[in-house]
Amino acid sequence: MGKIDEVQQVQVINGEGYQLSTLDKVIASARANSMWPLPFATSCCGIEYMATMGSNYDLARFGMERMSFSPRQADLLIVAGTISKKLAPVLKQVYEQMSEPKWVLSVGACASSGGIFDTYSVLQGIDRVIPVDVYVPGCPPRPEQIIDGIMKIHELVNHESLRRRYSDEYKALMNSYNIESNEK
């Protein structure tokens, strides 16, 4: 019998001439390590996100070197900065255009809760229009915090069941945001 190794969060059984794992774990590992993020940056948090993509922090080492500026080719929506109430429908439309599976990272105080802008024109958290998977606190957050948030998204993706998006719970979540689930 072969020995069991832990390789990139995928339990693999190695033996002479073979390697075994479950399909769920292999797909989850592939998804987590090859994300195509769509940056939706509107203010100072966007600048910090740009610093995260630079050579000092090198987000490419986490399998995210390809930025996608088309929602149909992205699976991680990174919302960084202040979202006005006028911009909220655009953000929701971008989210709806993304194909399943998709995840959302809310970067900074403004995207998470409206930040210091407790006014009639600023959305008090993007979770009022789209579901959020991970929140990154800060005003603006340091690149290390953004990387930590991305690592939490990777952890979430690695442990997500392939069937979760077909569940009644997920469909109810999408219905609570008036979003029709892409999975039928």
Protein backbone atom coordinates (compact mmCIF):
# COMPACT_ATOMS: atom_id res chain seq x y z
CA MET A 1 0.00 0.00 0.00
CA GLY A 2 1.23 3.52 -0.79
CA LYS A 3 1.84 6.30 1.70
CA ILE A 4 -0.52 9.26 2.15
CA ASP A 5 0.80 12.76 1.41
CA GLU A 6 -0.77 16.18 1.82
CA VAL A 7 -0.10 18.05 -1.43
CA GLN A 8 -1.64 21.53 -1.78
CA GLN A 9 -4.56 20.57 0.49
CA VAL A 10 -5.36 17.51 -1.67
CA GLN A 11 -5.10 14.15 0.04
CA VAL A 12 -3.22 11.93 -2.35
CA ILE A 13 -2.29 8.28 -2.03
CA ASN A 14 1.03 7.66 -3.71
CA GLY A 15 2.33 4.27 -4.64
CA GLU A 16 4.76 2.87 -7.12
CA GLY A 17 3.35 3.80 -10.51
CA TYR A 18 0.07 5.33 -9.32
CA GLN A 19 -1.40 8.33 -7.54
CA LEU A 20 -4.98 8.45 -6.24
CA SER A 21 -7.29 11.15 -4.90
CA THR A 22 -10.95 12.07 -5.12
CA LEU A 23 -12.29 14.10 -8.01
CA ASP A 24 -13.78 16.69 -5.60
CA LYS A 25 -10.39 17.38 -4.05
CA VAL A 26 -8.54 17.59 -7.35
CA ILE A 27 -11.09 20.01 -8.86
CA ALA A 28 -11.11 22.14 -5.69
CA SER A 29 -7.33 22.37 -5.73
CA ALA A 30 -7.31 23.32 -9.41
CA ARG A 31 -9.96 26.02 -8.82
CA ALA A 32 -8.17 27.46 -5.80
CA ASN A 33 -4.78 27.59 -7.48
CA SER A 34 -5.89 29.07 -10.81
CA MET A 35 -8.33 31.87 -9.97
CA TRP A 36 -9.03 34.66 -12.43
CA PRO A 37 -9.88 37.73 -10.38
CA LEU A 38 -11.90 40.69 -11.61
CA PRO A 39 -10.82 43.83 -9.75
CA PHE A 40 -13.67 46.28 -9.13
CA ALA A 41 -11.59 49.07 -7.62
CA THR A 42 -13.08 52.51 -7.07
CA SER A 43 -10.83 54.37 -4.61
CA CYS A 44 -7.83 54.10 -2.29
CA CYS A 45 -8.31 50.37 -1.60
CA GLY A 46 -7.82 49.83 -5.33
CA ILE A 47 -4.35 51.39 -5.06
CA GLU A 48 -3.47 48.97 -2.24
CA TYR A 49 -4.73 46.10 -4.40
CA MET A 50 -2.47 47.30 -7.23
CA ALA A 51 0.45 47.22 -4.78
CA THR A 52 -0.48 43.62 -3.98
CA MET A 53 -0.13 42.76 -7.66
CA GLY A 54 3.33 44.39 -7.79
CA SER A 55 6.67 42.62 -7.51
CA ASN A 56 7.04 43.15 -3.74
CA TYR A 57 4.00 41.04 -2.89
CA ASP A 58 3.58 39.10 -6.16
CA LEU A 59 0.04 37.78 -6.09
CA ALA A 60 0.96 35.66 -9.13
CA ARG A 61 2.56 33.10 -6.81
CA PHE A 62 -0.96 32.19 -5.68
CA GLY A 63 -2.10 31.38 -9.22
CA MET A 64 -3.67 34.78 -9.85
CA GLU A 65 -1.37 36.33 -12.41
CA ARG A 66 -4.11 36.80 -14.98
CA MET A 67 -6.41 39.69 -14.23
CA SER A 68 -9.74 39.37 -15.96
CA PHE A 69 -11.60 42.51 -16.88
CA SER A 70 -14.50 40.59 -18.32
CA PRO A 71 -17.01 39.17 -15.82
CA ARG A 72 -17.67 36.19 -18.06
CA GLN A 73 -14.05 35.07 -17.70
CA ALA A 74 -13.63 35.73 -13.97
CA ASP A 75 -14.42 33.62 -10.93
CA LEU A 76 -13.32 35.97 -8.12
CA LEU A 77 -14.82 39.46 -7.82
CA ILE A 78 -12.57 41.74 -5.74
CA VAL A 79 -14.52 44.84 -4.70
CA ALA A 80 -12.08 47.43 -3.36
CA GLY A 81 -13.32 50.87 -2.42
CA THR A 82 -16.40 53.00 -1.97
CA ILE A 83 -19.53 51.91 -3.82
CA SER A 84 -22.15 54.58 -4.31
CA LYS A 85 -25.83 53.69 -4.48
CA LYS A 86 -25.80 54.65 -8.17
CA LEU A 87 -22.98 52.17 -8.78
CA ALA A 88 -24.67 49.32 -6.86
CA PRO A 89 -26.78 48.12 -9.84
CA VAL A 90 -23.64 48.00 -12.00
CA LEU A 91 -21.83 45.91 -9.36
CA LYS A 92 -24.81 43.55 -9.17
CA GLN A 93 -24.89 43.23 -12.95
CA VAL A 94 -21.17 42.41 -13.05
CA TYR A 95 -21.73 39.74 -10.37
CA GLU A 96 -24.66 38.25 -12.27
CA GLN A 97 -22.60 38.05 -15.48
CA MET A 98 -19.95 35.92 -13.79
CA SER A 99 -20.32 32.20 -14.35
CA GLU A 100 -20.56 29.70 -11.53
CA PRO A 101 -18.68 28.99 -9.38
CA LYS A 102 -17.88 32.52 -8.27
CA TRP A 103 -16.61 34.14 -5.11
CA VAL A 104 -16.54 37.71 -3.76
CA LEU A 105 -13.81 39.41 -1.72
CA SER A 106 -14.78 42.70 -0.07
CA VAL A 107 -11.65 44.80 0.45
CA GLY A 108 -11.59 47.70 2.90
CA ALA A 109 -13.99 49.43 5.24
CA CYS A 110 -15.92 51.23 2.47
CA ALA A 111 -16.81 48.09 0.53
CA SER A 112 -17.54 46.16 3.72
CA SER A 113 -19.61 48.73 5.63
CA GLY A 114 -19.54 52.14 3.92
CA GLY A 115 -16.51 53.18 5.95
CA ILE A 116 -16.43 56.78 7.12
CA PHE A 117 -19.02 57.73 4.50
CA ASP A 118 -22.28 57.34 6.41
CA THR A 119 -24.20 59.36 3.82
CA TYR A 120 -27.30 58.99 1.70
CA SER A 121 -25.26 58.35 -1.47
CA VAL A 122 -22.86 55.61 -0.27
CA LEU A 123 -23.86 51.97 -0.07
CA GLN A 124 -23.34 50.78 3.50
CA GLY A 125 -21.73 47.48 2.51
CA ILE A 126 -21.79 45.57 -0.75
CA ASP A 127 -23.49 42.66 1.01
CA ARG A 128 -26.71 44.62 0.55
CA VAL A 129 -26.64 43.86 -3.19
CA ILE A 130 -24.41 40.76 -3.63
CA PRO A 131 -23.31 37.94 -1.31
CA VAL A 132 -19.78 38.29 0.09
CA ASP A 133 -17.52 35.34 0.91
CA VAL A 134 -14.60 37.07 2.68
CA TYR A 135 -14.20 40.55 4.18
CA VAL A 136 -10.79 42.26 4.42
CA PRO A 137 -10.86 45.01 7.08
CA GLY A 138 -8.84 48.21 6.99
CA CYS A 139 -8.87 51.74 5.67
CA PRO A 140 -7.10 51.02 3.38
CA PRO A 141 -5.94 47.48 4.16
CA ARG A 142 -2.27 46.64 3.75
CA PRO A 143 -1.29 44.28 0.92
CA GLU A 144 -0.58 41.58 3.53
CA GLN A 145 -4.21 41.79 4.63
CA ILE A 146 -5.43 41.46 1.05
CA ILE A 147 -3.21 38.41 0.58
CA ASP A 148 -4.66 36.95 3.80
CA GLY A 149 -8.17 37.49 2.42
CA ILE A 150 -7.22 35.76 -0.82
CA MET A 151 -5.75 32.86 1.16
CA LYS A 152 -9.08 32.58 3.02
CA ILE A 153 -10.88 32.46 -0.36
CA HIS A 154 -8.50 29.66 -1.42
CA GLU A 155 -9.27 27.79 1.80
CA LEU A 156 -13.00 28.23 1.19
CA VAL A 157 -12.67 26.97 -2.39
CA ASN A 158 -10.57 23.98 -1.29
CA HIS A 159 -13.24 22.87 1.18
CA GLU A 160 -16.34 23.64 -0.90
CA SER A 161 -18.37 20.71 -2.13
CA LEU A 162 -18.93 20.53 -5.87
CA ARG A 163 -22.65 20.13 -5.19
CA ARG A 164 -23.05 23.15 -2.86
CA ARG A 165 -24.20 25.45 -5.66
CA TYR A 166 -27.02 23.05 -6.52
CA SER A 167 -28.32 23.04 -2.94
CA ASP A 168 -31.59 24.59 -1.84
CA GLU A 169 -29.63 26.69 0.68
CA TYR A 170 -27.58 28.29 -2.10
CA LYS A 171 -30.66 28.92 -4.24
CA ALA A 172 -32.37 30.56 -1.26
CA LEU A 173 -29.31 32.80 -0.74
CA MET A 174 -29.41 33.90 -4.38
CA ASN A 175 -33.17 34.50 -4.14
CA SER A 176 -32.65 36.70 -1.07
CA TYR A 177 -30.51 38.98 -3.28
CA ASN A 178 -33.00 38.75 -6.18
CA ILE A 179 -30.36 36.96 -8.25
CA GLU A 180 -31.36 34.02 -10.35
CA SER A 181 -28.94 31.17 -9.80
CA ASN A 182 -27.01 30.17 -12.93
CA GLU A 183 -27.26 26.53 -11.90
CA LYS A 184 -30.59 24.99 -12.88
